[in-house]
Amino acid sequence: MIITTTNTVEGRPVTKYHGIVVGEAIMGANIVRDMFARVTDIVGGRSGQYENKLRDAREAAMAEIEQAARAKGADAVVGVDIDYEIIGESMMMVSVSGTAVSLG
């Protein structure tokens, strides 16, 4: 399965459009991780715990669009857009959308 942010796949014409596919993942963060992330923010540096959570959420959302595209008979998803949102004070959401297509 080809998943790309571009609207085309070089050398492979789109032969059929199957519609929009969407994947979403919402991840909560716990109090201990929040506390250590705040300390990291104060002293500087990167928050590895949050980076791992975001990576997990993005991978889950990408797996959802791949599964949805396969269910529609597609072999690629083009025009993929990835959005990140914070919900409340301790929830992170990753939303991925694109167009499921068949390629020649």
Foldseek 3Di string as FASTA:
>chain_A
DAEEQAQDDPPWAFPWWQFKFKFKDKDFDDPVLVVVQVVCVVVDDDSPVVVVVVVVGVVRGVVRRVVVLVVSVADYWYNKDWDWDDDDDTMIMIMIMTIGTHID
